[in-house]
Amino acid sequence: MPTTLARRPDAAAADRATGLALALAGSVAFSGKAIIVKLAYRHGVDAITLIMYRMVFALPFFLGLMWWAGRGRVRMDVRDRMAVWALGFSGYYLASSLDFLGLQYISASLERLILYLNPTLVLLLGWWLFGRRATRGQLLALAISYCGVLLVFGREARVEGQHVALGAALVFASTLSYAAYMLYSGEVLRRIGSLRLTGAASSVACVLCILQFLVLRPMSAAAVATPVLWLSVLNAVVCTVAPVLMVMMAIERVGPAVTAQAGMIGPISTILMSIWLLDEPFTPWLAAGTLCVMAGVGLMARGKR
């Protein structure tokens, strides 16, 4: 009996450590998406073709996730299916497409900072659509976060030119689209489950991205350089499917609050990888902007708790 009692705290501590490691790994893996996209663009591929290949390679995994999570459960009714299609369109297809388009014009570091504004946009949409009040602390967090993005954006616009505004607008629209998904997915998630919803909505997005390519591009556009194919496989498996599973498993072990805190490593990992793999410059403006965005999101998370 003493041996059994002694093992329980150790097992719980190991489970927490595993959960934290999964949360950190998931955040870093997801952050690598922008790096891979920027590397692929160097081979002359366009955004529509690149996102098609990403979704082609990711689709079997998401279909498998949807099947596995739905075993032994009641089939989704018409309302749930319509909701899944709507959420898949907003949260994964539209958000991903806009993000890939925006990455043609801005750095990976700025893209990650804009995407990291997602919690602030969820707050603003909740205030606008549902009349949810924001506290003074949340408003302060909003101001700090957006000041940080403006610092990096202003510096990049002066160096790179006016196309930076277009890229930033596209990525911001991507963040807004995903914030709408976060805002409206709660009820559907409670009905059908998080893994099932993720698998189904992501599968919808994959189908839409493939159809988008077939409508907008000739089949000859699918002939891309071999490195683009390998980068797309890496993007689909390591930076798309794996982070989803790791974050879900992390939430089960340490809860959403700790998982969200671990996600704050995302902007830092993107900046480090962009310096290492893309030769993007590291400037005081980027450092200050990153600290502001992370501080603002951290204040908002603390306020919610």
Protein backbone atom coordinates (compact mmCIF):
# COMPACT_ATOMS: atom_id res chain seq x y z
CA MET A 1 0.00 0.00 0.00
CA PRO A 2 2.71 2.59 0.80
CA THR A 3 4.33 1.82 -2.54
CA THR A 4 1.04 2.46 -4.37
CA LEU A 5 0.48 5.75 -2.55
CA ALA A 6 4.03 6.85 -3.30
CA ARG A 7 3.57 6.23 -7.01
CA ARG A 8 0.45 8.35 -7.41
CA PRO A 9 2.09 11.77 -6.90
CA ASP A 10 4.93 10.71 -9.18
CA ALA A 11 2.47 9.62 -11.86
CA ALA A 12 0.54 12.88 -11.58
CA ALA A 13 3.74 14.92 -11.82
CA ALA A 14 4.85 12.90 -14.85
CA ASP A 15 1.45 13.46 -16.46
CA ARG A 16 1.72 17.22 -15.90
CA ALA A 17 5.25 17.27 -17.30
CA THR A 18 4.08 15.33 -20.35
CA GLY A 19 1.17 17.73 -20.83
CA LEU A 20 3.43 20.78 -20.64
CA ALA A 21 5.90 19.21 -23.07
CA LEU A 22 3.07 18.47 -25.51
CA ALA A 23 1.77 22.05 -25.24
CA LEU A 24 5.22 23.51 -25.91
CA ALA A 25 5.92 21.11 -28.77
CA GLY A 26 2.52 21.80 -30.33
CA SER A 27 3.06 25.55 -30.21
CA VAL A 28 6.54 25.30 -31.75
CA ALA A 29 5.32 22.89 -34.45
CA PHE A 30 2.42 25.11 -35.40
CA SER A 31 4.74 28.12 -35.52
CA GLY A 32 6.87 26.34 -38.11
CA LYS A 33 4.04 26.59 -40.65
CA ALA A 34 4.96 30.13 -41.68
CA ILE A 35 8.62 29.16 -42.07
CA ILE A 36 7.78 26.24 -44.37
CA VAL A 37 5.42 28.39 -46.46
CA LYS A 38 8.09 31.07 -46.93
CA LEU A 39 10.64 28.40 -47.93
CA ALA A 40 8.19 26.95 -50.46
CA TYR A 41 7.57 30.36 -52.03
CA ARG A 42 11.25 30.48 -52.97
CA HIS A 43 10.53 27.73 -55.52
CA GLY A 44 8.01 29.82 -57.44
CA VAL A 45 4.81 28.14 -56.24
CA ASP A 46 1.67 30.25 -55.73
CA ALA A 47 -0.51 30.30 -52.60
CA ILE A 48 -3.50 28.45 -54.13
CA THR A 49 -1.34 25.53 -55.25
CA LEU A 50 0.67 25.43 -52.04
CA ILE A 51 -2.35 25.29 -49.75
CA MET A 52 -3.90 22.62 -51.99
CA TYR A 53 -0.91 20.35 -51.47
CA ARG A 54 -0.93 20.99 -47.74
CA MET A 55 -4.58 19.94 -47.52
CA VAL A 56 -4.18 16.93 -49.84
CA PHE A 57 -1.56 15.47 -47.52
CA ALA A 58 -3.47 16.41 -44.35
CA LEU A 59 -6.91 15.14 -45.45
CA PRO A 60 -6.35 11.40 -44.71
CA PHE A 61 -5.25 12.24 -41.16
CA PHE A 62 -8.27 14.45 -40.47
CA LEU A 63 -10.69 11.89 -41.94
CA GLY A 64 -9.10 9.28 -39.66
CA LEU A 65 -9.44 11.61 -36.67
CA MET A 66 -13.11 12.24 -37.47
CA TRP A 67 -13.79 8.50 -37.75
CA TRP A 68 -11.88 7.62 -34.58
CA ALA A 69 -13.50 10.37 -32.49
CA GLY A 70 -16.97 9.43 -33.77
CA ARG A 71 -16.84 5.72 -32.95
CA GLY A 72 -19.84 4.59 -30.94
CA ARG A 73 -21.42 8.05 -31.00
CA VAL A 74 -24.69 9.20 -32.51
CA ARG A 75 -24.43 10.35 -36.11
CA MET A 76 -24.44 14.08 -36.62
CA ASP A 77 -27.83 15.50 -37.59
CA VAL A 78 -28.44 18.04 -40.35
CA ARG A 79 -27.94 20.98 -37.97
CA ASP A 80 -24.57 19.71 -36.81
CA ARG A 81 -23.43 18.98 -40.35
CA MET A 82 -24.34 22.46 -41.51
CA ALA A 83 -22.53 23.91 -38.50
CA VAL A 84 -19.44 21.82 -39.26
CA TRP A 85 -19.39 23.05 -42.86
CA ALA A 86 -19.76 26.66 -41.74
CA LEU A 87 -17.05 26.32 -39.10
CA GLY A 88 -14.77 24.47 -41.49
CA PHE A 89 -15.18 27.25 -44.03
CA SER A 90 -14.48 30.05 -41.53
CA GLY A 91 -12.00 28.52 -39.13
CA TYR A 92 -9.80 26.48 -41.44
CA TYR A 93 -10.45 27.10 -45.16
CA LEU A 94 -10.81 30.89 -45.17
CA ALA A 95 -8.35 31.47 -42.35
CA SER A 96 -5.70 29.26 -43.97
CA SER A 97 -6.18 30.69 -47.46
CA LEU A 98 -5.90 34.29 -46.28
CA ASP A 99 -2.88 33.45 -44.16
CA PHE A 100 -1.03 31.81 -47.06
CA LEU A 101 -1.82 34.77 -49.30
CA GLY A 102 -0.61 37.23 -46.68
CA LEU A 103 2.68 35.41 -46.22
CA GLN A 104 3.59 36.34 -49.78
CA TYR A 105 4.01 39.95 -48.65
CA ILE A 106 5.13 40.02 -45.01
CA SER A 107 7.72 38.34 -42.83
CA ALA A 108 7.00 35.19 -40.86
CA SER A 109 7.61 37.11 -37.63
CA LEU A 110 4.98 39.76 -38.33
CA GLU A 111 2.54 37.08 -39.48
CA ARG A 112 2.89 35.21 -36.19
CA LEU A 113 2.37 38.37 -34.13
CA ILE A 114 -0.83 39.19 -36.02
CA LEU A 115 -2.15 35.64 -35.62
CA TYR A 116 -1.35 35.87 -31.92
CA LEU A 117 -3.96 38.65 -31.63
CA ASN A 118 -6.68 36.00 -31.87
CA PRO A 119 -7.79 36.25 -28.20
CA THR A 120 -8.19 40.00 -28.53
CA LEU A 121 -10.40 39.59 -31.59
CA VAL A 122 -12.53 36.99 -29.81
CA LEU A 123 -13.03 39.58 -27.06
CA LEU A 124 -13.93 42.35 -29.52
CA LEU A 125 -16.33 40.13 -31.48
CA GLY A 126 -18.01 39.05 -28.26
CA TRP A 127 -18.48 42.70 -27.31
CA TRP A 128 -19.77 43.67 -30.74
CA LEU A 129 -22.05 40.70 -31.43
CA PHE A 130 -23.21 39.68 -27.95
CA GLY A 131 -22.73 42.81 -25.85
CA ARG A 132 -20.15 41.20 -23.56
CA ARG A 133 -18.47 43.89 -21.49
CA ALA A 134 -14.72 44.29 -21.43
CA THR A 135 -12.91 45.15 -18.21
CA ARG A 136 -10.34 47.92 -17.92
CA GLY A 137 -7.62 45.30 -17.69
CA GLN A 138 -8.78 43.70 -20.95
CA LEU A 139 -8.89 47.06 -22.69
CA LEU A 140 -5.35 47.76 -21.47
CA ALA A 141 -4.28 44.35 -22.79
CA LEU A 142 -5.85 45.19 -26.15
CA ALA A 143 -3.98 48.50 -26.36
CA ILE A 144 -0.62 46.93 -25.48
CA SER A 145 -1.05 44.08 -27.97
CA TYR A 146 -2.01 46.27 -30.91
CA CYS A 147 0.74 48.77 -30.15
CA GLY A 148 3.20 45.89 -30.41
CA VAL A 149 1.90 44.82 -33.82
CA LEU A 150 1.93 48.42 -35.05
CA LEU A 151 5.58 48.78 -34.01
CA VAL A 152 6.63 45.79 -36.12
CA PHE A 153 4.27 46.67 -38.96
CA GLY A 154 5.51 50.27 -39.16
CA ARG A 155 9.13 49.20 -39.28
CA GLU A 156 8.49 46.53 -41.92
CA ALA A 157 6.37 48.87 -44.07
CA ARG A 158 9.16 51.46 -44.14
CA VAL A 159 11.71 48.86 -45.20
CA GLU A 160 9.69 46.62 -47.53
CA GLY A 161 7.15 49.03 -49.04
CA GLN A 162 3.40 49.34 -49.39
CA HIS A 163 2.76 45.66 -50.14
CA VAL A 164 3.30 45.00 -46.43
CA ALA A 165 -0.07 46.66 -45.74
CA LEU A 166 -1.79 44.19 -48.07
CA GLY A 167 -0.07 41.21 -46.45
CA ALA A 168 -0.86 42.41 -42.94
CA ALA A 169 -4.50 43.02 -43.89
CA LEU A 170 -4.81 39.49 -45.31
CA VAL A 171 -3.30 37.88 -42.21
CA PHE A 172 -5.45 40.06 -39.95
CA ALA A 173 -8.53 38.93 -41.90
CA SER A 174 -7.32 35.34 -41.40
CA THR A 175 -7.10 35.95 -37.65
CA LEU A 176 -10.57 37.50 -37.66
CA SER A 177 -11.99 34.50 -39.51
CA TYR A 178 -10.50 32.08 -36.98
CA ALA A 179 -11.74 34.25 -34.09
CA ALA A 180 -15.27 33.88 -35.49
CA TYR A 181 -14.73 30.11 -35.53
CA MET A 182 -13.62 30.20 -31.89
CA LEU A 183 -16.62 32.30 -30.92
CA TYR A 184 -19.26 30.12 -32.55
CA SER A 185 -17.72 26.66 -32.13
CA GLY A 186 -18.47 26.29 -28.41
CA GLU A 187 -22.02 24.97 -28.73
CA VAL A 188 -21.14 22.54 -31.54
CA LEU A 189 -18.07 21.38 -29.63
CA ARG A 190 -20.22 20.49 -26.62
CA ARG A 191 -22.59 18.47 -28.79
CA ILE A 192 -20.16 16.44 -30.88
CA GLY A 193 -16.80 16.70 -29.05
CA SER A 194 -13.60 18.62 -29.69
CA LEU A 195 -11.66 15.95 -31.61
CA ARG A 196 -14.64 15.05 -33.76
CA LEU A 197 -15.30 18.70 -34.58
CA THR A 198 -11.64 19.32 -35.37
CA GLY A 199 -11.45 16.31 -37.67
CA ALA A 200 -14.73 17.11 -39.44
CA ALA A 201 -14.17 20.87 -39.85
CA SER A 202 -10.59 20.35 -41.00
CA SER A 203 -11.74 17.75 -43.54
CA VAL A 204 -14.26 20.26 -44.88
CA ALA A 205 -11.47 22.83 -45.24
CA CYS A 206 -9.27 20.32 -47.07
CA VAL A 207 -12.03 19.57 -49.59
CA LEU A 208 -12.70 23.28 -50.14
CA CYS A 209 -9.00 24.03 -50.71
CA ILE A 210 -8.73 21.21 -53.24
CA LEU A 211 -11.87 22.41 -55.05
CA GLN A 212 -10.49 25.95 -55.01
CA PHE A 213 -7.40 24.77 -56.85
CA LEU A 214 -9.43 22.81 -59.41
CA VAL A 215 -11.59 25.87 -60.16
CA LEU A 216 -8.90 28.56 -60.21
CA ARG A 217 -5.87 26.72 -61.62
CA PRO A 218 -5.23 24.40 -64.58
CA MET A 219 -4.04 20.91 -63.73
CA SER A 220 -0.65 21.83 -65.14
CA ALA A 221 -0.17 24.10 -62.09
CA ALA A 222 0.11 20.96 -59.95
CA ALA A 223 3.53 20.34 -61.48
CA VAL A 224 5.77 21.88 -58.83
CA ALA A 225 9.36 21.46 -57.75
CA THR A 226 10.10 18.36 -55.66
CA PRO A 227 11.12 20.42 -52.60
CA VAL A 228 7.63 21.98 -52.59
CA LEU A 229 6.08 18.52 -52.28
CA TRP A 230 8.33 17.57 -49.37
CA LEU A 231 7.76 20.90 -47.67
CA SER A 232 3.99 20.39 -48.09
CA VAL A 233 4.21 16.95 -46.48
CA LEU A 234 6.16 18.46 -43.60
CA ASN A 235 3.63 21.28 -43.32
CA ALA A 236 0.67 18.91 -43.33
CA VAL A 237 2.02 16.37 -40.85
CA VAL A 238 4.36 18.27 -38.52
CA CYS A 239 2.82 21.75 -38.60
CA THR A 240 -0.89 20.98 -39.08
CA VAL A 241 -2.01 17.56 -37.86
CA ALA A 242 0.55 16.96 -35.11
CA PRO A 243 0.00 20.31 -33.32
CA VAL A 244 -3.76 19.74 -33.22
CA LEU A 245 -3.31 16.37 -31.53
CA MET A 246 -0.58 17.58 -29.18
CA VAL A 247 -2.60 20.57 -28.01
CA MET A 248 -5.69 18.40 -27.43
CA MET A 249 -3.64 15.91 -25.38
CA ALA A 250 -2.03 18.78 -23.46
CA ILE A 251 -5.44 20.21 -22.55
CA GLU A 252 -6.48 16.81 -21.19
CA ARG A 253 -3.42 16.70 -18.92
CA VAL A 254 -2.85 20.29 -17.76
CA GLY A 255 -6.01 22.15 -18.76
CA PRO A 256 -6.63 24.98 -21.23
CA ALA A 257 -5.09 27.75 -19.11
CA VAL A 258 -1.64 26.16 -18.86
CA THR A 259 -1.82 25.07 -22.49
CA ALA A 260 -2.57 28.64 -23.54
CA GLN A 261 0.33 29.96 -21.45
CA ALA A 262 2.67 27.46 -23.10
CA GLY A 263 1.45 28.76 -26.45
CA MET A 264 3.18 32.05 -25.72
CA ILE A 265 6.38 30.41 -26.92
CA GLY A 266 4.92 30.51 -30.43
CA PRO A 267 6.01 34.02 -31.49
CA ILE A 268 9.48 33.50 -30.01
CA SER A 269 9.98 30.21 -31.84
CA THR A 270 8.80 31.75 -35.12
CA ILE A 271 11.25 34.64 -34.77
CA LEU A 272 14.15 32.31 -33.98
CA MET A 273 13.32 30.00 -36.90
CA SER A 274 12.87 32.94 -39.28
CA ILE A 275 16.30 34.27 -38.34
CA TRP A 276 17.91 30.84 -38.67
CA LEU A 277 16.16 29.49 -41.78
CA LEU A 278 14.95 32.59 -43.64
CA ASP A 279 17.69 35.09 -42.75
CA GLU A 280 15.08 37.58 -41.59
CA PRO A 281 16.61 40.42 -39.57
CA PHE A 282 16.13 40.72 -35.83
CA THR A 283 15.61 44.37 -34.90
CA PRO A 284 14.85 46.24 -31.67
CA TRP A 285 11.44 47.06 -33.18
CA LEU A 286 10.67 43.37 -33.58
CA ALA A 287 11.82 42.64 -30.03
CA ALA A 288 9.74 45.46 -28.56
CA GLY A 289 6.68 44.56 -30.61
CA THR A 290 6.89 40.90 -29.64
CA LEU A 291 7.19 41.73 -25.95
CA CYS A 292 4.16 44.04 -26.19
CA VAL A 293 1.98 41.46 -27.93
CA MET A 294 2.95 38.69 -25.51
CA ALA A 295 2.42 40.97 -22.52
CA GLY A 296 -1.01 42.03 -23.78
CA VAL A 297 -2.17 38.48 -24.44
CA GLY A 298 -0.75 37.39 -21.09
CA LEU A 299 -2.68 40.14 -19.29
CA MET A 300 -5.85 39.11 -21.07
CA ALA A 301 -5.41 35.46 -20.12
CA ARG A 302 -4.82 36.44 -16.48
CA GLY A 303 -7.94 38.61 -16.53
CA LYS A 304 -10.05 35.75 -17.84
CA ARG A 305 -8.86 33.47 -15.08
